[in-house]
Amino acid sequence: VTFLAILELMKRKLVEIEQVASFADLYVLGKGEEQS
């Protein structure tokens, strides 16, 4: 496995993490709107 291949995998993982984080943010925002 080359260093570049590892970088590509890390980039994909970061994208996944960012998507999950933004989804969590939207979920929290939705919850907050329900309570107010």
PDB file of N, CA and C in Angstrom:
ATOM      1  N   VAL A   1       0.859  -1.200   0.000  1.00  0.00           N
ATOM      2  CA  VAL A   1       0.000   0.000   0.000  1.00  0.00           C
ATOM      3  C   VAL A   1       0.885   1.236   0.000  1.00  0.00           C
ATOM      4  N   THR A   2       0.611   2.137  -0.935  1.00  0.00           N
ATOM      5  CA  THR A   2       1.419   3.350  -1.033  1.00  0.00           C
ATOM      6  C   THR A   2       0.914   4.429  -0.084  1.00  0.00           C
ATOM      7  N   PHE A   3       1.774   5.407   0.137  1.00  0.00           N
ATOM      8  CA  PHE A   3       1.423   6.523   1.012  1.00  0.00           C
ATOM      9  C   PHE A   3       0.224   7.284   0.447  1.00  0.00           C
ATOM     10  N   LEU A   4       0.198   7.447  -0.879  1.00  0.00           N
ATOM     11  CA  LEU A   4      -0.913   8.164  -1.518  1.00  0.00           C
ATOM     12  C   LEU A   4      -2.232   7.432  -1.302  1.00  0.00           C
ATOM     13  N   ALA A   5      -2.186   6.107  -1.357  1.00  0.00           N
ATOM     14  CA  ALA A   5      -3.403   5.325  -1.149  1.00  0.00           C
ATOM     15  C   ALA A   5      -3.930   5.545   0.270  1.00  0.00           C
ATOM     16  N   ILE A   6      -3.016   5.611   1.226  1.00  0.00           N
ATOM     17  CA  ILE A   6      -3.414   5.847   2.618  1.00  0.00           C
ATOM     18  C   ILE A   6      -4.048   7.231   2.747  1.00  0.00           C
ATOM     19  N   LEU A   7      -3.447   8.222   2.062  1.00  0.00           N
ATOM     20  CA  LEU A   7      -3.998   9.579   2.092  1.00  0.00           C
ATOM     21  C   LEU A   7      -5.412   9.593   1.527  1.00  0.00           C
ATOM     22  N   GLU A   8      -5.622   8.872   0.433  1.00  0.00           N
ATOM     23  CA  GLU A   8      -6.957   8.815  -0.181  1.00  0.00           C
ATOM     24  C   GLU A   8      -7.973   8.237   0.802  1.00  0.00           C
ATOM     25  N   LEU A   9      -7.583   7.157   1.478  1.00  0.00           N
ATOM     26  CA  LEU A   9      -8.484   6.532   2.454  1.00  0.00           C
ATOM     27  C   LEU A   9      -8.824   7.504   3.578  1.00  0.00           C
ATOM     28  N   MET A  10      -7.802   8.230   4.057  1.00  0.00           N
ATOM     29  CA  MET A  10      -8.017   9.184   5.138  1.00  0.00           C
ATOM     30  C   MET A  10      -8.966  10.286   4.687  1.00  0.00           C
ATOM     31  N   LYS A  11      -8.789  10.735   3.439  1.00  0.00           N
ATOM     32  CA  LYS A  11      -9.660  11.793   2.909  1.00  0.00           C
ATOM     33  C   LYS A  11     -11.110  11.318   2.883  1.00  0.00           C
ATOM     34  N   ARG A  12     -11.306  10.084   2.419  1.00  0.00           N
ATOM     35  CA  ARG A  12     -12.669   9.542   2.358  1.00  0.00           C
ATOM     36  C   ARG A  12     -13.271   9.447   3.751  1.00  0.00           C
ATOM     37  N   LYS A  13     -12.469   9.004   4.710  1.00  0.00           N
ATOM     38  CA  LYS A  13     -12.949   8.890   6.087  1.00  0.00           C
ATOM     39  C   LYS A  13     -13.340  10.263   6.623  1.00  0.00           C
ATOM     40  N   LEU A  14     -12.524  11.284   6.319  1.00  0.00           N
ATOM     41  CA  LEU A  14     -12.824  12.635   6.785  1.00  0.00           C
ATOM     42  C   LEU A  14     -14.136  13.118   6.196  1.00  0.00           C
ATOM     43  N   VAL A  15     -14.364  12.816   4.928  1.00  0.00           N
ATOM     44  CA  VAL A  15     -15.617  13.220   4.278  1.00  0.00           C
ATOM     45  C   VAL A  15     -16.791  12.554   4.989  1.00  0.00           C
ATOM     46  N   GLU A  16     -16.649  11.269   5.290  1.00  0.00           N
ATOM     47  CA  GLU A  16     -17.720  10.548   5.991  1.00  0.00           C
ATOM     48  C   GLU A  16     -17.985  11.181   7.348  1.00  0.00           C
ATOM     49  N   ILE A  17     -16.905  11.489   8.065  1.00  0.00           N
ATOM     50  CA  ILE A  17     -17.035  12.083   9.397  1.00  0.00           C
ATOM     51  C   ILE A  17     -17.734  13.436   9.304  1.00  0.00           C
ATOM     52  N   GLU A  18     -17.354  14.233   8.287  1.00  0.00           N
ATOM     53  CA  GLU A  18     -17.973  15.549   8.116  1.00  0.00           C
ATOM     54  C   GLU A  18     -19.459  15.411   7.824  1.00  0.00           C
ATOM     55  N   GLN A  19     -19.819  14.411   7.005  1.00  0.00           N
ATOM     56  CA  GLN A  19     -21.228  14.200   6.676  1.00  0.00           C
ATOM     57  C   GLN A  19     -22.010  13.824   7.929  1.00  0.00           C
ATOM     58  N   VAL A  20     -21.432  12.943   8.739  1.00  0.00           N
ATOM     59  CA  VAL A  20     -22.101  12.528   9.973  1.00  0.00           C
ATOM     60  C   VAL A  20     -22.241  13.721  10.914  1.00  0.00           C
ATOM     61  N   ALA A  21     -21.192  14.545  10.998  1.00  0.00           N
ATOM     62  CA  ALA A  21     -21.218  15.705  11.883  1.00  0.00           C
ATOM     63  C   ALA A  21     -22.289  16.694  11.449  1.00  0.00           C
ATOM     64  N   SER A  22     -22.386  16.951  10.151  1.00  0.00           N
ATOM     65  CA  SER A  22     -23.389  17.904   9.671  1.00  0.00           C
ATOM     66  C   SER A  22     -24.789  17.336   9.877  1.00  0.00           C
ATOM     67  N   PHE A  23     -24.931  16.026   9.723  1.00  0.00           N
ATOM     68  CA  PHE A  23     -26.227  15.390   9.961  1.00  0.00           C
ATOM     69  C   PHE A  23     -26.604  15.533  11.433  1.00  0.00           C
ATOM     70  N   ALA A  24     -25.628  15.346  12.314  1.00  0.00           N
ATOM     71  CA  ALA A  24     -25.877  15.479  13.750  1.00  0.00           C
ATOM     72  C   ALA A  24     -26.276  16.916  14.073  1.00  0.00           C
ATOM     73  N   ASP A  25     -25.613  17.891  13.434  1.00  0.00           N
ATOM     74  CA  ASP A  25     -25.952  19.296  13.654  1.00  0.00           C
ATOM     75  C   ASP A  25     -27.398  19.556  13.254  1.00  0.00           C
ATOM     76  N   LEU A  26     -27.800  19.055  12.083  1.00  0.00           N
ATOM     77  CA  LEU A  26     -29.171  19.246  11.608  1.00  0.00           C
ATOM     78  C   LEU A  26     -30.153  18.606  12.583  1.00  0.00           C
ATOM     79  N   TYR A  27     -29.803  17.430  13.084  1.00  0.00           N
ATOM     80  CA  TYR A  27     -30.672  16.716  14.015  1.00  0.00           C
ATOM     81  C   TYR A  27     -30.861  17.532  15.293  1.00  0.00           C
ATOM     82  N   VAL A  28     -29.754  18.079  15.804  1.00  0.00           N
ATOM     83  CA  VAL A  28     -29.815  18.881  17.031  1.00  0.00           C
ATOM     84  C   VAL A  28     -30.635  20.146  16.788  1.00  0.00           C
ATOM     85  N   LEU A  29     -30.436  20.775  15.616  1.00  0.00           N
ATOM     86  CA  LEU A  29     -31.207  21.980  15.285  1.00  0.00           C
ATOM     87  C   LEU A  29     -32.693  21.653  15.249  1.00  0.00           C
ATOM     88  N   GLY A  30     -33.036  20.530  14.640  1.00  0.00           N
ATOM     89  CA  GLY A  30     -34.434  20.120  14.565  1.00  0.00           C
ATOM     90  C   GLY A  30     -35.012  19.902  15.951  1.00  0.00           C
ATOM     91  N   LYS A  31     -34.241  19.255  16.817  1.00  0.00           N
ATOM     92  CA  LYS A  31     -34.695  19.003  18.177  1.00  0.00           C
ATOM     93  C   LYS A  31     -34.919  20.319  18.903  1.00  0.00           C
ATOM     94  N   GLY A  32     -33.992  21.262  18.722  1.00  0.00           N
ATOM     95  CA  GLY A  32     -34.100  22.561  19.389  1.00  0.00           C
ATOM     96  C   GLY A  32     -35.346  23.303  18.953  1.00  0.00           C
ATOM     97  N   GLU A  33     -35.674  23.223  17.662  1.00  0.00           N
ATOM     98  CA  GLU A  33     -36.854  23.922  17.154  1.00  0.00           C
ATOM     99  C   GLU A  33     -38.125  23.311  17.727  1.00  0.00           C
ATOM    100  N   GLU A  34     -38.125  21.998  17.927  1.00  0.00           N
ATOM    101  CA  GLU A  34     -39.303  21.332  18.486  1.00  0.00           C
ATOM    102  C   GLU A  34     -39.567  21.823  19.911  1.00  0.00           C
ATOM    103  N   GLN A  35     -38.497  22.002  20.680  1.00  0.00           N
ATOM    104  CA  GLN A  35     -38.635  22.369  22.088  1.00  0.00           C
ATOM    105  C   GLN A  35     -39.079  23.816  22.252  1.00  0.00           C
ATOM    106  N   SER A  36     -38.627  24.720  21.397  1.00  0.00           N
ATOM    107  CA  SER A  36     -38.924  26.146  21.570  1.00  0.00           C
ATOM    108  C   SER A  36     -40.363  26.486  21.198  1.00  0.00           C
TER     109      SER A  36
END
